Amino acid sequence: MLSGALDRPWLRIAVGVFLGIPLTAAALFGAIFGTIFFVHGLQDGEFWAIGLGLVAAFGVLGIAGAWWRLLRRHTAMSRRESIVVRVLLFSGIVSSIVLGAWAVQGEWAAAALLFGLLAIGGVALVLATPVAL
């Protein structure tokens, strides 16, 4: 049902414009900081900074999977392509959960809520991407 709904062109355009573009911009902005944390962690031996940089990279992979799913109908996807999209989306879900847990630990409620909503959106996209038989 969800996969059929996301195959409608007007819904894919609306999701891409109203959700995809702002979230992609935010993810790329966050990836810049993730890269800075990663380089800092490598230079100073800070493992938390290295981990945060890697989590930001997984978030960018998740955004790539979300765009791939929005740009293709699930009926036009091959089995291999569907599996790749699902793996990319799962990496984004894991990234959102880790960043949300980090935000809760730092007492940033708004950021934790945002990452929670991103994880829920990623799960919805995974459910909308069936694996072809």
C-alpha atoms as a PDB file:
ATOM      1  CA  MET A   1       0.000   0.000   0.000  1.00  0.00           C
ATOM      2  CA  LEU A   2       2.730   2.464   0.963  1.00  0.00           C
ATOM      3  CA  SER A   3       4.826   1.498  -2.053  1.00  0.00           C
ATOM      4  CA  GLY A   4       1.872   2.166  -4.357  1.00  0.00           C
ATOM      5  CA  ALA A   5       1.270   5.562  -2.768  1.00  0.00           C
ATOM      6  CA  LEU A   6       4.897   6.586  -3.283  1.00  0.00           C
ATOM      7  CA  ASP A   7       4.659   5.591  -6.939  1.00  0.00           C
ATOM      8  CA  ARG A   8       2.246   8.444  -7.632  1.00  0.00           C
ATOM      9  CA  PRO A   9       4.227  11.224  -9.328  1.00  0.00           C
ATOM     10  CA  TRP A  10       2.509  14.123  -7.533  1.00  0.00           C
ATOM     11  CA  LEU A  11       3.233  12.595  -4.115  1.00  0.00           C
ATOM     12  CA  ARG A  12       6.884  11.957  -4.975  1.00  0.00           C
ATOM     13  CA  ILE A  13       7.239  15.567  -6.159  1.00  0.00           C
ATOM     14  CA  ALA A  14       5.580  16.925  -3.000  1.00  0.00           C
ATOM     15  CA  VAL A  15       7.739  14.798  -0.695  1.00  0.00           C
ATOM     16  CA  GLY A  16      10.875  15.717  -2.647  1.00  0.00           C
ATOM     17  CA  VAL A  17      10.194  19.447  -2.636  1.00  0.00           C
ATOM     18  CA  PHE A  18       8.763  19.935   0.855  1.00  0.00           C
ATOM     19  CA  LEU A  19      10.802  17.345   2.755  1.00  0.00           C
ATOM     20  CA  GLY A  20      13.664  16.193   0.555  1.00  0.00           C
ATOM     21  CA  ILE A  21      15.282  19.492  -0.349  1.00  0.00           C
ATOM     22  CA  PRO A  22      15.340  21.008   3.183  1.00  0.00           C
ATOM     23  CA  LEU A  23      16.483  17.737   4.778  1.00  0.00           C
ATOM     24  CA  THR A  24      19.190  17.268   2.152  1.00  0.00           C
ATOM     25  CA  ALA A  25      20.473  20.769   2.809  1.00  0.00           C
ATOM     26  CA  ALA A  26      20.498  20.092   6.553  1.00  0.00           C
ATOM     27  CA  ALA A  27      22.272  16.752   6.057  1.00  0.00           C
ATOM     28  CA  LEU A  28      24.954  18.298   3.878  1.00  0.00           C
ATOM     29  CA  PHE A  29      25.412  21.091   6.422  1.00  0.00           C
ATOM     30  CA  GLY A  30      25.733  18.453   9.136  1.00  0.00           C
ATOM     31  CA  ALA A  31      28.163  16.456   7.003  1.00  0.00           C
ATOM     32  CA  ILE A  32      30.496  19.446   6.929  1.00  0.00           C
ATOM     33  CA  PHE A  33      30.581  19.444  10.722  1.00  0.00           C
ATOM     34  CA  GLY A  34      30.894  15.655  10.708  1.00  0.00           C
ATOM     35  CA  THR A  35      33.969  15.936   8.518  1.00  0.00           C
ATOM     36  CA  ILE A  36      35.443  18.543  10.857  1.00  0.00           C
ATOM     37  CA  PHE A  37      34.800  16.263  13.855  1.00  0.00           C
ATOM     38  CA  PHE A  38      36.296  13.286  12.013  1.00  0.00           C
ATOM     39  CA  VAL A  39      39.509  15.124  11.087  1.00  0.00           C
ATOM     40  CA  HIS A  40      39.797  16.541  14.615  1.00  0.00           C
ATOM     41  CA  GLY A  41      39.312  13.064  16.053  1.00  0.00           C
ATOM     42  CA  LEU A  42      42.031  11.624  13.842  1.00  0.00           C
ATOM     43  CA  GLN A  43      44.481  14.365  14.763  1.00  0.00           C
ATOM     44  CA  ASP A  44      43.864  14.327  18.520  1.00  0.00           C
ATOM     45  CA  GLY A  45      42.869  10.699  19.044  1.00  0.00           C
ATOM     46  CA  GLU A  46      39.326  11.562  20.139  1.00  0.00           C
ATOM     47  CA  PHE A  47      37.269   8.448  19.453  1.00  0.00           C
ATOM     48  CA  TRP A  48      33.924  10.148  20.060  1.00  0.00           C
ATOM     49  CA  ALA A  49      34.725  12.691  17.335  1.00  0.00           C
ATOM     50  CA  ILE A  50      35.697   9.948  14.889  1.00  0.00           C
ATOM     51  CA  GLY A  51      32.445   8.152  15.645  1.00  0.00           C
ATOM     52  CA  LEU A  52      30.389  11.298  15.208  1.00  0.00           C
ATOM     53  CA  GLY A  53      32.032  11.935  11.830  1.00  0.00           C
ATOM     54  CA  LEU A  54      31.274   8.389  10.682  1.00  0.00           C
ATOM     55  CA  VAL A  55      27.670   8.659  11.842  1.00  0.00           C
ATOM     56  CA  ALA A  56      27.307  11.860   9.788  1.00  0.00           C
ATOM     57  CA  ALA A  57      28.641   9.989   6.750  1.00  0.00           C
ATOM     58  CA  PHE A  58      26.042   7.248   7.253  1.00  0.00           C
ATOM     59  CA  GLY A  59      23.386   9.967   7.395  1.00  0.00           C
ATOM     60  CA  VAL A  60      24.437  11.209   3.957  1.00  0.00           C
ATOM     61  CA  LEU A  61      24.172   7.629   2.657  1.00  0.00           C
ATOM     62  CA  GLY A  62      20.646   7.502   4.066  1.00  0.00           C
ATOM     63  CA  ILE A  63      19.723  10.717   2.261  1.00  0.00           C
ATOM     64  CA  ALA A  64      21.099   9.233  -0.971  1.00  0.00           C
ATOM     65  CA  GLY A  65      18.908   6.163  -0.458  1.00  0.00           C
ATOM     66  CA  ALA A  66      15.850   8.318   0.186  1.00  0.00           C
ATOM     67  CA  TRP A  67      16.389  10.299  -3.016  1.00  0.00           C
ATOM     68  CA  TRP A  68      17.000   7.096  -4.980  1.00  0.00           C
ATOM     69  CA  ARG A  69      13.684   5.722  -3.712  1.00  0.00           C
ATOM     70  CA  LEU A  70      11.826   8.933  -4.501  1.00  0.00           C
ATOM     71  CA  LEU A  71      13.211   9.143  -8.029  1.00  0.00           C
ATOM     72  CA  ARG A  72      12.333   5.553  -9.013  1.00  0.00           C
ATOM     73  CA  ARG A  73       9.064   3.651  -9.042  1.00  0.00           C
ATOM     74  CA  HIS A  74       9.318   0.444  -7.048  1.00  0.00           C
ATOM     75  CA  THR A  75       8.000  -1.514 -10.027  1.00  0.00           C
ATOM     76  CA  ALA A  76      10.903  -0.240 -12.160  1.00  0.00           C
ATOM     77  CA  MET A  77      13.530  -1.337  -9.620  1.00  0.00           C
ATOM     78  CA  SER A  78      15.425  -4.569 -10.032  1.00  0.00           C
ATOM     79  CA  ARG A  79      15.956  -6.849  -7.039  1.00  0.00           C
ATOM     80  CA  ARG A  80      19.568  -5.726  -6.631  1.00  0.00           C
ATOM     81  CA  GLU A  81      18.632  -2.045  -6.883  1.00  0.00           C
ATOM     82  CA  SER A  82      15.891  -2.491  -4.296  1.00  0.00           C
ATOM     83  CA  ILE A  83      18.311  -4.165  -1.892  1.00  0.00           C
ATOM     84  CA  VAL A  84      20.882  -1.378  -2.339  1.00  0.00           C
ATOM     85  CA  VAL A  85      18.231   1.267  -1.656  1.00  0.00           C
ATOM     86  CA  ARG A  86      17.106  -0.566   1.475  1.00  0.00           C
ATOM     87  CA  VAL A  87      20.695  -0.853   2.773  1.00  0.00           C
ATOM     88  CA  LEU A  88      21.240   2.879   2.203  1.00  0.00           C
ATOM     89  CA  LEU A  89      17.997   3.670   4.010  1.00  0.00           C
ATOM     90  CA  PHE A  90      18.940   1.399   6.927  1.00  0.00           C
ATOM     91  CA  SER A  91      22.264   3.229   7.266  1.00  0.00           C
ATOM     92  CA  GLY A  92      20.344   6.506   7.503  1.00  0.00           C
ATOM     93  CA  ILE A  93      18.025   5.034  10.148  1.00  0.00           C
ATOM     94  CA  VAL A  94      20.968   3.875  12.244  1.00  0.00           C
ATOM     95  CA  SER A  95      22.580   7.297  11.878  1.00  0.00           C
ATOM     96  CA  SER A  96      19.386   9.045  13.000  1.00  0.00           C
ATOM     97  CA  ILE A  97      19.006   6.789  16.026  1.00  0.00           C
ATOM     98  CA  VAL A  98      22.621   7.298  17.115  1.00  0.00           C
ATOM     99  CA  LEU A  99      22.456  11.066  16.637  1.00  0.00           C
ATOM    100  CA  GLY A 100      19.104  11.168  18.454  1.00  0.00           C
ATOM    101  CA  ALA A 101      20.576   9.283  21.400  1.00  0.00           C
ATOM    102  CA  TRP A 102      23.512  11.686  21.439  1.00  0.00           C
ATOM    103  CA  ALA A 103      21.097  14.636  21.388  1.00  0.00           C
ATOM    104  CA  VAL A 104      19.103  13.193  24.304  1.00  0.00           C
ATOM    105  CA  GLN A 105      22.318  12.711  26.266  1.00  0.00           C
ATOM    106  CA  GLY A 106      23.223  16.343  25.584  1.00  0.00           C
ATOM    107  CA  GLU A 107      19.702  17.451  26.560  1.00  0.00           C
ATOM    108  CA  TRP A 108      18.810  18.865  23.126  1.00  0.00           C
ATOM    109  CA  ALA A 109      15.153  17.887  22.936  1.00  0.00           C
ATOM    110  CA  ALA A 110      14.424  19.539  19.584  1.00  0.00           C
ATOM    111  CA  ALA A 111      17.334  17.775  17.874  1.00  0.00           C
ATOM    112  CA  ALA A 112      16.337  14.443  19.429  1.00  0.00           C
ATOM    113  CA  LEU A 113      12.781  14.902  18.136  1.00  0.00           C
ATOM    114  CA  LEU A 114      14.073  15.751  14.655  1.00  0.00           C
ATOM    115  CA  PHE A 115      16.297  12.676  14.517  1.00  0.00           C
ATOM    116  CA  GLY A 116      13.433  10.529  15.791  1.00  0.00           C
ATOM    117  CA  LEU A 117      11.178  11.811  13.023  1.00  0.00           C
ATOM    118  CA  LEU A 118      13.930  11.175  10.467  1.00  0.00           C
ATOM    119  CA  ALA A 119      14.241   7.588  11.681  1.00  0.00           C
ATOM    120  CA  ILE A 120      10.476   7.114  11.379  1.00  0.00           C
ATOM    121  CA  GLY A 121      10.568   8.557   7.853  1.00  0.00           C
ATOM    122  CA  GLY A 122      13.386   6.196   6.958  1.00  0.00           C
ATOM    123  CA  VAL A 123      11.385   3.221   8.212  1.00  0.00           C
ATOM    124  CA  ALA A 124       8.425   4.389   6.104  1.00  0.00           C
ATOM    125  CA  LEU A 125      10.647   4.541   3.018  1.00  0.00           C
ATOM    126  CA  VAL A 126      12.050   1.080   3.745  1.00  0.00           C
ATOM    127  CA  LEU A 127       8.503  -0.282   4.004  1.00  0.00           C
ATOM    128  CA  ALA A 128       7.673   1.471   0.724  1.00  0.00           C
ATOM    129  CA  THR A 129      10.565  -0.317  -1.019  1.00  0.00           C
ATOM    130  CA  PRO A 130       9.610  -3.966  -1.369  1.00  0.00           C
ATOM    131  CA  VAL A 131      12.243  -6.456  -2.446  1.00  0.00           C
ATOM    132  CA  ALA A 132      11.297  -7.868  -5.836  1.00  0.00           C
ATOM    133  CA  LEU A 133      11.140 -11.649  -6.089  1.00  0.00           C
END
